[in-house]
Amino acid sequence: MRTLLYVGNLVSCVTNADLIRLFERFGRIICAHVIRNLRTGRSKGFGYVEIETDGDAVAAIAALDGQDHAGRCLIVNEVIRHEEGSHPGGAGASSGSD
């Protein structure tokens, strides 16, 4: 099953291709996307990588989380996906006391 990873604390010059190169040694990368400011086009310092299998994601997290990349300490963790229509809490969540 595909796994989505959050990658934070990136330097502003990192590109989508750089993320792919950084993660491809752990498995097949479905896509990689550095989040950018719409007005300026500058990186916001984080991005997402979708990797093909859970095992590949675990290996990538173990190897890269906390590691230096271009002088910055990377933050790499799995994005928790919620089923459509479900809410982890907050507005719209049911208390079950209806």
PDB file of N, CA and C in Angstrom:
ATOM      1  N   MET A   1       0.836  -1.174   0.000  1.00  0.00           N
ATOM      2  CA  MET A   1       0.000   0.000   0.000  1.00  0.00           C
ATOM      3  C   MET A   1       0.885   1.243   0.000  1.00  0.00           C
ATOM      4  N   ARG A   2       0.509   2.230  -0.746  1.00  0.00           N
ATOM      5  CA  ARG A   2       1.267   3.472  -0.827  1.00  0.00           C
ATOM      6  C   ARG A   2       1.234   4.226   0.502  1.00  0.00           C
ATOM      7  N   THR A   3       2.349   4.858   0.811  1.00  0.00           N
ATOM      8  CA  THR A   3       2.466   5.611   2.051  1.00  0.00           C
ATOM      9  C   THR A   3       2.898   7.034   1.733  1.00  0.00           C
ATOM     10  N   LEU A   4       2.250   7.996   2.378  1.00  0.00           N
ATOM     11  CA  LEU A   4       2.578   9.396   2.193  1.00  0.00           C
ATOM     12  C   LEU A   4       3.453   9.845   3.358  1.00  0.00           C
ATOM     13  N   LEU A   5       4.585  10.446   3.021  1.00  0.00           N
ATOM     14  CA  LEU A   5       5.525  10.924   4.026  1.00  0.00           C
ATOM     15  C   LEU A   5       5.593  12.448   4.005  1.00  0.00           C
ATOM     16  N   TYR A   6       5.639  13.038   5.193  1.00  0.00           N
ATOM     17  CA  TYR A   6       5.889  14.462   5.357  1.00  0.00           C
ATOM     18  C   TYR A   6       7.394  14.629   5.493  1.00  0.00           C
ATOM     19  N   VAL A   7       7.938  15.626   4.802  1.00  0.00           N
ATOM     20  CA  VAL A   7       9.368  15.909   4.877  1.00  0.00           C
ATOM     21  C   VAL A   7       9.512  17.387   5.228  1.00  0.00           C
ATOM     22  N   GLY A   8      10.010  17.669   6.429  1.00  0.00           N
ATOM     23  CA  GLY A   8      10.105  19.047   6.881  1.00  0.00           C
ATOM     24  C   GLY A   8      11.521  19.503   7.135  1.00  0.00           C
ATOM     25  N   ASN A   9      11.641  20.822   7.318  1.00  0.00           N
ATOM     26  CA  ASN A   9      12.898  21.504   7.591  1.00  0.00           C
ATOM     27  C   ASN A   9      13.816  21.485   6.369  1.00  0.00           C
ATOM     28  N   LEU A  10      13.217  21.615   5.193  1.00  0.00           N
ATOM     29  CA  LEU A  10      13.972  21.636   3.943  1.00  0.00           C
ATOM     30  C   LEU A  10      14.538  23.026   3.678  1.00  0.00           C
ATOM     31  N   VAL A  11      15.700  23.090   3.069  1.00  0.00           N
ATOM     32  CA  VAL A  11      16.238  24.373   2.619  1.00  0.00           C
ATOM     33  C   VAL A  11      15.406  24.855   1.434  1.00  0.00           C
ATOM     34  N   SER A  12      15.416  26.155   1.211  1.00  0.00           N
ATOM     35  CA  SER A  12      14.514  26.736   0.207  1.00  0.00           C
ATOM     36  C   SER A  12      14.836  26.333  -1.229  1.00  0.00           C
ATOM     37  N   CYS A  13      16.031  25.860  -1.493  1.00  0.00           N
ATOM     38  CA  CYS A  13      16.401  25.505  -2.870  1.00  0.00           C
ATOM     39  C   CYS A  13      16.043  24.067  -3.251  1.00  0.00           C
ATOM     40  N   VAL A  14      15.505  23.267  -2.333  1.00  0.00           N
ATOM     41  CA  VAL A  14      15.157  21.875  -2.634  1.00  0.00           C
ATOM     42  C   VAL A  14      14.007  21.830  -3.639  1.00  0.00           C
ATOM     43  N   THR A  15      14.136  20.961  -4.630  1.00  0.00           N
ATOM     44  CA  THR A  15      13.112  20.806  -5.675  1.00  0.00           C
ATOM     45  C   THR A  15      12.426  19.446  -5.542  1.00  0.00           C
ATOM     46  N   ASN A  16      11.369  19.260  -6.316  1.00  0.00           N
ATOM     47  CA  ASN A  16      10.690  17.962  -6.360  1.00  0.00           C
ATOM     48  C   ASN A  16      11.673  16.863  -6.771  1.00  0.00           C
ATOM     49  N   ALA A  17      12.496  17.161  -7.758  1.00  0.00           N
ATOM     50  CA  ALA A  17      13.486  16.179  -8.235  1.00  0.00           C
ATOM     51  C   ALA A  17      14.494  15.835  -7.136  1.00  0.00           C
ATOM     52  N   ASP A  18      14.872  16.820  -6.322  1.00  0.00           N
ATOM     53  CA  ASP A  18      15.792  16.555  -5.206  1.00  0.00           C
ATOM     54  C   ASP A  18      15.166  15.575  -4.209  1.00  0.00           C
ATOM     55  N   LEU A  19      13.873  15.764  -3.913  1.00  0.00           N
ATOM     56  CA  LEU A  19      13.186  14.845  -2.995  1.00  0.00           C
ATOM     57  C   LEU A  19      13.145  13.435  -3.561  1.00  0.00           C
ATOM     58  N   ILE A  20      12.883  13.328  -4.838  1.00  0.00           N
ATOM     59  CA  ILE A  20      12.856  12.005  -5.477  1.00  0.00           C
ATOM     60  C   ILE A  20      14.223  11.344  -5.328  1.00  0.00           C
ATOM     61  N   ARG A  21      15.292  12.081  -5.636  1.00  0.00           N
ATOM     62  CA  ARG A  21      16.653  11.523  -5.527  1.00  0.00           C
ATOM     63  C   ARG A  21      16.972  11.121  -4.084  1.00  0.00           C
ATOM     64  N   LEU A  22      16.514  11.899  -3.116  1.00  0.00           N
ATOM     65  CA  LEU A  22      16.786  11.613  -1.718  1.00  0.00           C
ATOM     66  C   LEU A  22      16.100  10.329  -1.255  1.00  0.00           C
ATOM     67  N   PHE A  23      14.881  10.067  -1.762  1.00  0.00           N
ATOM     68  CA  PHE A  23      14.082   8.946  -1.273  1.00  0.00           C
ATOM     69  C   PHE A  23      14.112   7.709  -2.165  1.00  0.00           C
ATOM     70  N   GLU A  24      14.537   7.801  -3.406  1.00  0.00           N
ATOM     71  CA  GLU A  24      14.414   6.673  -4.330  1.00  0.00           C
ATOM     72  C   GLU A  24      15.263   5.468  -3.948  1.00  0.00           C
ATOM     73  N   ARG A  25      16.267   5.652  -3.133  1.00  0.00           N
ATOM     74  CA  ARG A  25      17.088   4.498  -2.717  1.00  0.00           C
ATOM     75  C   ARG A  25      16.316   3.569  -1.782  1.00  0.00           C
ATOM     76  N   PHE A  26      15.176   4.019  -1.259  1.00  0.00           N
ATOM     77  CA  PHE A  26      14.375   3.207  -0.341  1.00  0.00           C
ATOM     78  C   PHE A  26      13.238   2.475  -1.039  1.00  0.00           C
ATOM     79  N   GLY A  27      12.915   2.857  -2.267  1.00  0.00           N
ATOM     80  CA  GLY A  27      11.838   2.198  -3.000  1.00  0.00           C
ATOM     81  C   GLY A  27      11.299   3.093  -4.094  1.00  0.00           C
ATOM     82  N   ARG A  28      10.285   2.582  -4.771  1.00  0.00           N
ATOM     83  CA  ARG A  28       9.689   3.323  -5.886  1.00  0.00           C
ATOM     84  C   ARG A  28       8.915   4.522  -5.368  1.00  0.00           C
ATOM     85  N   ILE A  29       9.229   5.701  -5.906  1.00  0.00           N
ATOM     86  CA  ILE A  29       8.556   6.935  -5.523  1.00  0.00           C
ATOM     87  C   ILE A  29       7.414   7.181  -6.506  1.00  0.00           C
ATOM     88  N   ILE A  30       6.212   7.340  -5.969  1.00  0.00           N
ATOM     89  CA  ILE A  30       5.038   7.630  -6.798  1.00  0.00           C
ATOM     90  C   ILE A  30       5.070   9.096  -7.201  1.00  0.00           C
ATOM     91  N   CYS A  31       5.294   9.981  -6.231  1.00  0.00           N
ATOM     92  CA  CYS A  31       5.422  11.406  -6.506  1.00  0.00           C
ATOM     93  C   CYS A  31       6.102  12.090  -5.335  1.00  0.00           C
ATOM     94  N   ALA A  32       6.629  13.272  -5.605  1.00  0.00           N
ATOM     95  CA  ALA A  32       7.248  14.105  -4.575  1.00  0.00           C
ATOM     96  C   ALA A  32       6.886  15.543  -4.892  1.00  0.00           C
ATOM     97  N   HIS A  33       6.572  16.305  -3.840  1.00  0.00           N
ATOM     98  CA  HIS A  33       6.115  17.670  -4.069  1.00  0.00           C
ATOM     99  C   HIS A  33       6.577  18.586  -2.947  1.00  0.00           C
ATOM    100  N   VAL A  34       7.378  19.580  -3.290  1.00  0.00           N
ATOM    101  CA  VAL A  34       7.783  20.617  -2.347  1.00  0.00           C
ATOM    102  C   VAL A  34       6.680  21.672  -2.352  1.00  0.00           C
ATOM    103  N   ILE A  35       6.202  22.049  -1.176  1.00  0.00           N
ATOM    104  CA  ILE A  35       5.132  23.034  -1.070  1.00  0.00           C
ATOM    105  C   ILE A  35       5.745  24.430  -1.199  1.00  0.00           C
ATOM    106  N   ARG A  36       5.136  25.237  -2.065  1.00  0.00           N
ATOM    107  CA  ARG A  36       5.665  26.564  -2.365  1.00  0.00           C
ATOM    108  C   ARG A  36       4.631  27.654  -2.087  1.00  0.00           C
ATOM    109  N   ASN A  37       5.118  28.835  -1.763  1.00  0.00           N
ATOM    110  CA  ASN A  37       4.276  30.001  -1.600  1.00  0.00           C
ATOM    111  C   ASN A  37       3.739  30.377  -2.974  1.00  0.00           C
ATOM    112  N   LEU A  38       2.421  30.507  -3.094  1.00  0.00           N
ATOM    113  CA  LEU A  38       1.828  30.791  -4.402  1.00  0.00           C
ATOM    114  C   LEU A  38       2.245  32.149  -4.950  1.00  0.00           C
ATOM    115  N   ARG A  39       2.426  33.114  -4.091  1.00  0.00           N
ATOM    116  CA  ARG A  39       2.768  34.458  -4.528  1.00  0.00           C
ATOM    117  C   ARG A  39       4.228  34.581  -4.940  1.00  0.00           C
ATOM    118  N   THR A  40       5.126  34.035  -4.130  1.00  0.00           N
ATOM    119  CA  THR A  40       6.560  34.215  -4.383  1.00  0.00           C
ATOM    120  C   THR A  40       7.212  33.049  -5.109  1.00  0.00           C
ATOM    121  N   GLY A  41       6.601  31.867  -5.021  1.00  0.00           N
ATOM    122  CA  GLY A  41       7.197  30.678  -5.624  1.00  0.00           C
ATOM    123  C   GLY A  41       8.286  30.051  -4.767  1.00  0.00           C
ATOM    124  N   ARG A  42       8.594  30.659  -3.616  1.00  0.00           N
ATOM    125  CA  ARG A  42       9.626  30.116  -2.724  1.00  0.00           C
ATOM    126  C   ARG A  42       9.087  28.931  -1.942  1.00  0.00           C
ATOM    127  N   SER A  43       9.970  28.012  -1.645  1.00  0.00           N
ATOM    128  CA  SER A  43       9.614  26.841  -0.843  1.00  0.00           C
ATOM    129  C   SER A  43       9.175  27.290   0.544  1.00  0.00           C
ATOM    130  N   LYS A  44       8.188  26.582   1.080  1.00  0.00           N
ATOM    131  CA  LYS A  44       7.749  26.830   2.453  1.00  0.00           C
ATOM    132  C   LYS A  44       8.540  25.987   3.448  1.00  0.00           C
ATOM    133  N   GLY A  45       9.490  25.204   2.956  1.00  0.00           N
ATOM    134  CA  GLY A  45      10.365  24.434   3.837  1.00  0.00           C
ATOM    135  C   GLY A  45       9.883  23.035   4.145  1.00  0.00           C
ATOM    136  N   PHE A  46       8.838  22.588   3.447  1.00  0.00           N
ATOM    137  CA  PHE A  46       8.371  21.218   3.645  1.00  0.00           C
ATOM    138  C   PHE A  46       7.776  20.685   2.352  1.00  0.00           C
ATOM    139  N   GLY A  47       7.578  19.372   2.349  1.00  0.00           N
ATOM    140  CA  GLY A  47       7.004  18.735   1.175  1.00  0.00           C
ATOM    141  C   GLY A  47       6.494  17.358   1.527  1.00  0.00           C
ATOM    142  N   TYR A  48       6.047  16.642   0.504  1.00  0.00           N
ATOM    143  CA  TYR A  48       5.485  15.311   0.679  1.00  0.00           C
ATOM    144  C   TYR A  48       6.076  14.365  -0.356  1.00  0.00           C
ATOM    145  N   VAL A  49       6.285  13.139   0.070  1.00  0.00           N
ATOM    146  CA  VAL A  49       6.772  12.082  -0.816  1.00  0.00           C
ATOM    147  C   VAL A  49       5.825  10.904  -0.671  1.00  0.00           C
ATOM    148  N   GLU A  50       5.319  10.410  -1.788  1.00  0.00           N
ATOM    149  CA  GLU A  50       4.495   9.199  -1.756  1.00  0.00           C
ATOM    150  C   GLU A  50       5.364   8.052  -2.245  1.00  0.00           C
ATOM    151  N   ILE A  51       5.507   7.046  -1.381  1.00  0.00           N
ATOM    152  CA  ILE A  51       6.390   5.910  -1.655  1.00  0.00           C
ATOM    153  C   ILE A  51       5.526   4.653  -1.762  1.00  0.00           C
ATOM    154  N   GLU A  52       5.947   3.702  -2.563  1.00  0.00           N
ATOM    155  CA  GLU A  52       5.082   2.594  -2.954  1.00  0.00           C
ATOM    156  C   GLU A  52       4.652   1.661  -1.819  1.00  0.00           C
ATOM    157  N   THR A  53       5.543   1.302  -0.906  1.00  0.00           N
ATOM    158  CA  THR A  53       5.148   0.323   0.111  1.00  0.00           C
ATOM    159  C   THR A  53       5.413   0.833   1.526  1.00  0.00           C
ATOM    160  N   ASP A  54       4.683   0.251   2.476  1.00  0.00           N
ATOM    161  CA  ASP A  54       4.867   0.594   3.887  1.00  0.00           C
ATOM    162  C   ASP A  54       6.288   0.291   4.348  1.00  0.00           C
ATOM    163  N   GLY A  55       6.824  -0.838   3.924  1.00  0.00           N
ATOM    164  CA  GLY A  55       8.182  -1.217   4.320  1.00  0.00           C
ATOM    165  C   GLY A  55       9.219  -0.219   3.827  1.00  0.00           C
ATOM    166  N   ASP A  56       9.045   0.251   2.597  1.00  0.00           N
ATOM    167  CA  ASP A  56       9.956   1.262   2.056  1.00  0.00           C
ATOM    168  C   ASP A  56       9.851   2.552   2.855  1.00  0.00           C
ATOM    169  N   ALA A  57       8.635   2.917   3.250  1.00  0.00           N
ATOM    170  CA  ALA A  57       8.420   4.132   4.034  1.00  0.00           C
ATOM    171  C   ALA A  57       9.102   4.023   5.396  1.00  0.00           C
ATOM    172  N   VAL A  58       8.952   2.886   6.047  1.00  0.00           N
ATOM    173  CA  VAL A  58       9.588   2.674   7.353  1.00  0.00           C
ATOM    174  C   VAL A  58      11.101   2.804   7.230  1.00  0.00           C
ATOM    175  N   ALA A  59      11.672   2.217   6.189  1.00  0.00           N
ATOM    176  CA  ALA A  59      13.120   2.296   5.976  1.00  0.00           C
ATOM    177  C   ALA A  59      13.560   3.745   5.725  1.00  0.00           C
ATOM    178  N   ALA A  60      12.790   4.494   4.942  1.00  0.00           N
ATOM    179  CA  ALA A  60      13.121   5.888   4.648  1.00  0.00           C
ATOM    180  C   ALA A  60      13.067   6.737   5.915  1.00  0.00           C
ATOM    181  N   ILE A  61      12.028   6.543   6.727  1.00  0.00           N
ATOM    182  CA  ILE A  61      11.897   7.296   7.973  1.00  0.00           C
ATOM    183  C   ILE A  61      13.073   6.984   8.897  1.00  0.00           C
ATOM    184  N   ALA A  62      13.392   5.701   9.050  1.00  0.00           N
ATOM    185  CA  ALA A  62      14.484   5.287   9.940  1.00  0.00           C
ATOM    186  C   ALA A  62      15.817   5.885   9.496  1.00  0.00           C
ATOM    187  N   ALA A  63      16.039   5.959   8.204  1.00  0.00           N
ATOM    188  CA  ALA A  63      17.323   6.429   7.690  1.00  0.00           C
ATOM    189  C   ALA A  63      17.429   7.956   7.626  1.00  0.00           C
ATOM    190  N   LEU A  64      16.315   8.644   7.361  1.00  0.00           N
ATOM    191  CA  LEU A  64      16.411  10.071   7.077  1.00  0.00           C
ATOM    192  C   LEU A  64      15.930  11.003   8.185  1.00  0.00           C
ATOM    193  N   ASP A  65      15.012  10.552   9.023  1.00  0.00           N
ATOM    194  CA  ASP A  65      14.505  11.430  10.080  1.00  0.00           C
ATOM    195  C   ASP A  65      15.645  11.817  11.023  1.00  0.00           C
ATOM    196  N   GLY A  66      15.847  13.112  11.194  1.00  0.00           N
ATOM    197  CA  GLY A  66      16.905  13.604  12.066  1.00  0.00           C
ATOM    198  C   GLY A  66      18.264  13.741  11.406  1.00  0.00           C
ATOM    199  N   GLN A  67      18.373  13.347  10.143  1.00  0.00           N
ATOM    200  CA  GLN A  67      19.656  13.417   9.444  1.00  0.00           C
ATOM    201  C   GLN A  67      19.879  14.790   8.823  1.00  0.00           C
ATOM    202  N   ASP A  68      21.135  15.164   8.692  1.00  0.00           N
ATOM    203  CA  ASP A  68      21.506  16.427   8.072  1.00  0.00           C
ATOM    204  C   ASP A  68      21.288  16.347   6.566  1.00  0.00           C
ATOM    205  N   HIS A  69      20.664  17.398   6.026  1.00  0.00           N
ATOM    206  CA  HIS A  69      20.512  17.533   4.583  1.00  0.00           C
ATOM    207  C   HIS A  69      20.720  19.002   4.241  1.00  0.00           C
ATOM    208  N   ALA A  70      21.823  19.302   3.586  1.00  0.00           N
ATOM    209  CA  ALA A  70      22.165  20.673   3.211  1.00  0.00           C
ATOM    210  C   ALA A  70      22.214  21.599   4.426  1.00  0.00           C
ATOM    211  N   GLY A  71      22.711  21.069   5.546  1.00  0.00           N
ATOM    212  CA  GLY A  71      22.867  21.866   6.740  1.00  0.00           C
ATOM    213  C   GLY A  71      21.637  21.972   7.629  1.00  0.00           C
ATOM    214  N   ARG A  72      20.577  21.252   7.296  1.00  0.00           N
ATOM    215  CA  ARG A  72      19.351  21.266   8.102  1.00  0.00           C
ATOM    216  C   ARG A  72      19.036  19.844   8.561  1.00  0.00           C
ATOM    217  N   CYS A  73      18.455  19.728   9.744  1.00  0.00           N
ATOM    218  CA  CYS A  73      18.069  18.436  10.310  1.00  0.00           C
ATOM    219  C   CYS A  73      16.674  18.068   9.793  1.00  0.00           C
ATOM    220  N   LEU A  74      16.598  17.047   8.938  1.00  0.00           N
ATOM    221  CA  LEU A  74      15.322  16.660   8.326  1.00  0.00           C
ATOM    222  C   LEU A  74      14.322  16.131   9.348  1.00  0.00           C
ATOM    223  N   ILE A  75      13.066  16.399   9.083  1.00  0.00           N
ATOM    224  CA  ILE A  75      11.951  15.799   9.814  1.00  0.00           C
ATOM    225  C   ILE A  75      11.210  14.944   8.798  1.00  0.00           C
ATOM    226  N   VAL A  76      11.131  13.653   9.036  1.00  0.00           N
ATOM    227  CA  VAL A  76      10.447  12.742   8.117  1.00  0.00           C
ATOM    228  C   VAL A  76       9.523  11.858   8.934  1.00  0.00           C
ATOM    229  N   ASN A  77       8.226  11.911   8.622  1.00  0.00           N
ATOM    230  CA  ASN A  77       7.282  11.019   9.285  1.00  0.00           C
ATOM    231  C   ASN A  77       6.094  10.715   8.377  1.00  0.00           C
ATOM    232  N   GLU A  78       5.366   9.686   8.755  1.00  0.00           N
ATOM    233  CA  GLU A  78       4.213   9.255   7.968  1.00  0.00           C
ATOM    234  C   GLU A  78       3.035  10.180   8.206  1.00  0.00           C
ATOM    235  N   VAL A  79       2.333  10.497   7.124  1.00  0.00           N
ATOM    236  CA  VAL A  79       1.107  11.281   7.218  1.00  0.00           C
ATOM    237  C   VAL A  79      -0.020  10.314   7.550  1.00  0.00           C
ATOM    238  N   ILE A  80      -0.763  10.623   8.605  1.00  0.00           N
ATOM    239  CA  ILE A  80      -1.888   9.784   8.997  1.00  0.00           C
ATOM    240  C   ILE A  80      -3.101  10.202   8.186  1.00  0.00           C
ATOM    241  N   ARG A  81      -3.610   9.274   7.411  1.00  0.00           N
ATOM    242  CA  ARG A  81      -4.789   9.556   6.581  1.00  0.00           C
ATOM    243  C   ARG A  81      -6.029   9.076   7.302  1.00  0.00           C
ATOM    244  N   HIS A  82      -7.076   9.868   7.225  1.00  0.00           N
ATOM    245  CA  HIS A  82      -8.349   9.503   7.825  1.00  0.00           C
ATOM    246  C   HIS A  82      -9.307   9.114   6.713  1.00  0.00           C
ATOM    247  N   GLU A  83     -10.182   8.173   7.009  1.00  0.00           N
ATOM    248  CA  GLU A  83     -11.159   7.752   6.011  1.00  0.00           C
ATOM    249  C   GLU A  83     -12.043   8.931   5.653  1.00  0.00           C
ATOM    250  N   GLU A  84     -12.493   8.953   4.412  1.00  0.00           N
ATOM    251  CA  GLU A  84     -13.369  10.020   3.964  1.00  0.00           C
ATOM    252  C   GLU A  84     -14.619  10.067   4.839  1.00  0.00           C
ATOM    253  N   GLY A  85     -14.959  11.254   5.291  1.00  0.00           N
ATOM    254  CA  GLY A  85     -16.148  11.418   6.114  1.00  0.00           C
ATOM    255  C   GLY A  85     -15.897  11.248   7.594  1.00  0.00           C
ATOM    256  N   SER A  86     -14.705  10.767   7.972  1.00  0.00           N
ATOM    257  CA  SER A  86     -14.416  10.614   9.392  1.00  0.00           C
ATOM    258  C   SER A  86     -13.669  11.844   9.876  1.00  0.00           C
ATOM    259  N   HIS A  87     -13.797  12.142  11.147  1.00  0.00           N
ATOM    260  CA  HIS A  87     -13.134  13.292  11.735  1.00  0.00           C
ATOM    261  C   HIS A  87     -12.399  12.833  12.982  1.00  0.00           C
ATOM    262  N   PRO A  88     -11.134  13.187  13.110  1.00  0.00           N
ATOM    263  CA  PRO A  88     -10.381  12.780  14.290  1.00  0.00           C
ATOM    264  C   PRO A  88     -10.791  13.539  15.544  1.00  0.00           C
ATOM    265  N   GLY A  89     -11.589  14.553  15.401  1.00  0.00           N
ATOM    266  CA  GLY A  89     -12.036  15.358  16.543  1.00  0.00           C
ATOM    267  C   GLY A  89     -12.292  16.767  16.068  1.00  0.00           C
ATOM    268  N   GLY A  90     -12.751  17.623  16.969  1.00  0.00           N
ATOM    269  CA  GLY A  90     -12.989  19.011  16.599  1.00  0.00           C
ATOM    270  C   GLY A  90     -14.343  19.199  15.941  1.00  0.00           C
ATOM    271  N   ALA A  91     -14.495  20.284  15.214  1.00  0.00           N
ATOM    272  CA  ALA A  91     -15.769  20.641  14.600  1.00  0.00           C
ATOM    273  C   ALA A  91     -16.278  19.525  13.696  1.00  0.00           C
ATOM    274  N   GLY A  92     -17.521  19.208  13.841  1.00  0.00           N
ATOM    275  CA  GLY A  92     -18.148  18.189  13.011  1.00  0.00           C
ATOM    276  C   GLY A  92     -18.021  16.792  13.533  1.00  0.00           C
ATOM    277  N   ALA A  93     -17.251  16.588  14.575  1.00  0.00           N
ATOM    278  CA  ALA A  93     -17.090  15.238  15.131  1.00  0.00           C
ATOM    279  C   ALA A  93     -18.277  14.909  16.008  1.00  0.00           C
ATOM    280  N   SER A  94     -18.704  13.685  15.945  1.00  0.00           N
ATOM    281  CA  SER A  94     -19.833  13.247  16.749  1.00  0.00           C
ATOM    282  C   SER A  94     -19.353  12.755  18.110  1.00  0.00           C
ATOM    283  N   SER A  95     -20.086  13.148  19.148  1.00  0.00           N
ATOM    284  CA  SER A  95     -19.715  12.711  20.492  1.00  0.00           C
ATOM    285  C   SER A  95     -20.311  11.359  20.819  1.00  0.00           C
ATOM    286  N   GLY A  96     -21.211  10.887  19.956  1.00  0.00           N
ATOM    287  CA  GLY A  96     -21.828   9.588  20.167  1.00  0.00           C
ATOM    288  C   GLY A  96     -22.985   9.627  21.138  1.00  0.00           C
ATOM    289  N   SER A  97     -23.376  10.818  21.572  1.00  0.00           N
ATOM    290  CA  SER A  97     -24.465  10.932  22.538  1.00  0.00           C
ATOM    291  C   SER A  97     -25.761  11.422  21.922  1.00  0.00           C
ATOM    292  N   ASP A  98     -25.910  11.244  20.604  1.00  0.00           N
ATOM    293  CA  ASP A  98     -27.111  11.704  19.904  1.00  0.00           C
ATOM    294  C   ASP A  98     -28.333  10.958  20.322  1.00  0.00           C
TER     295      ASP A  98
END
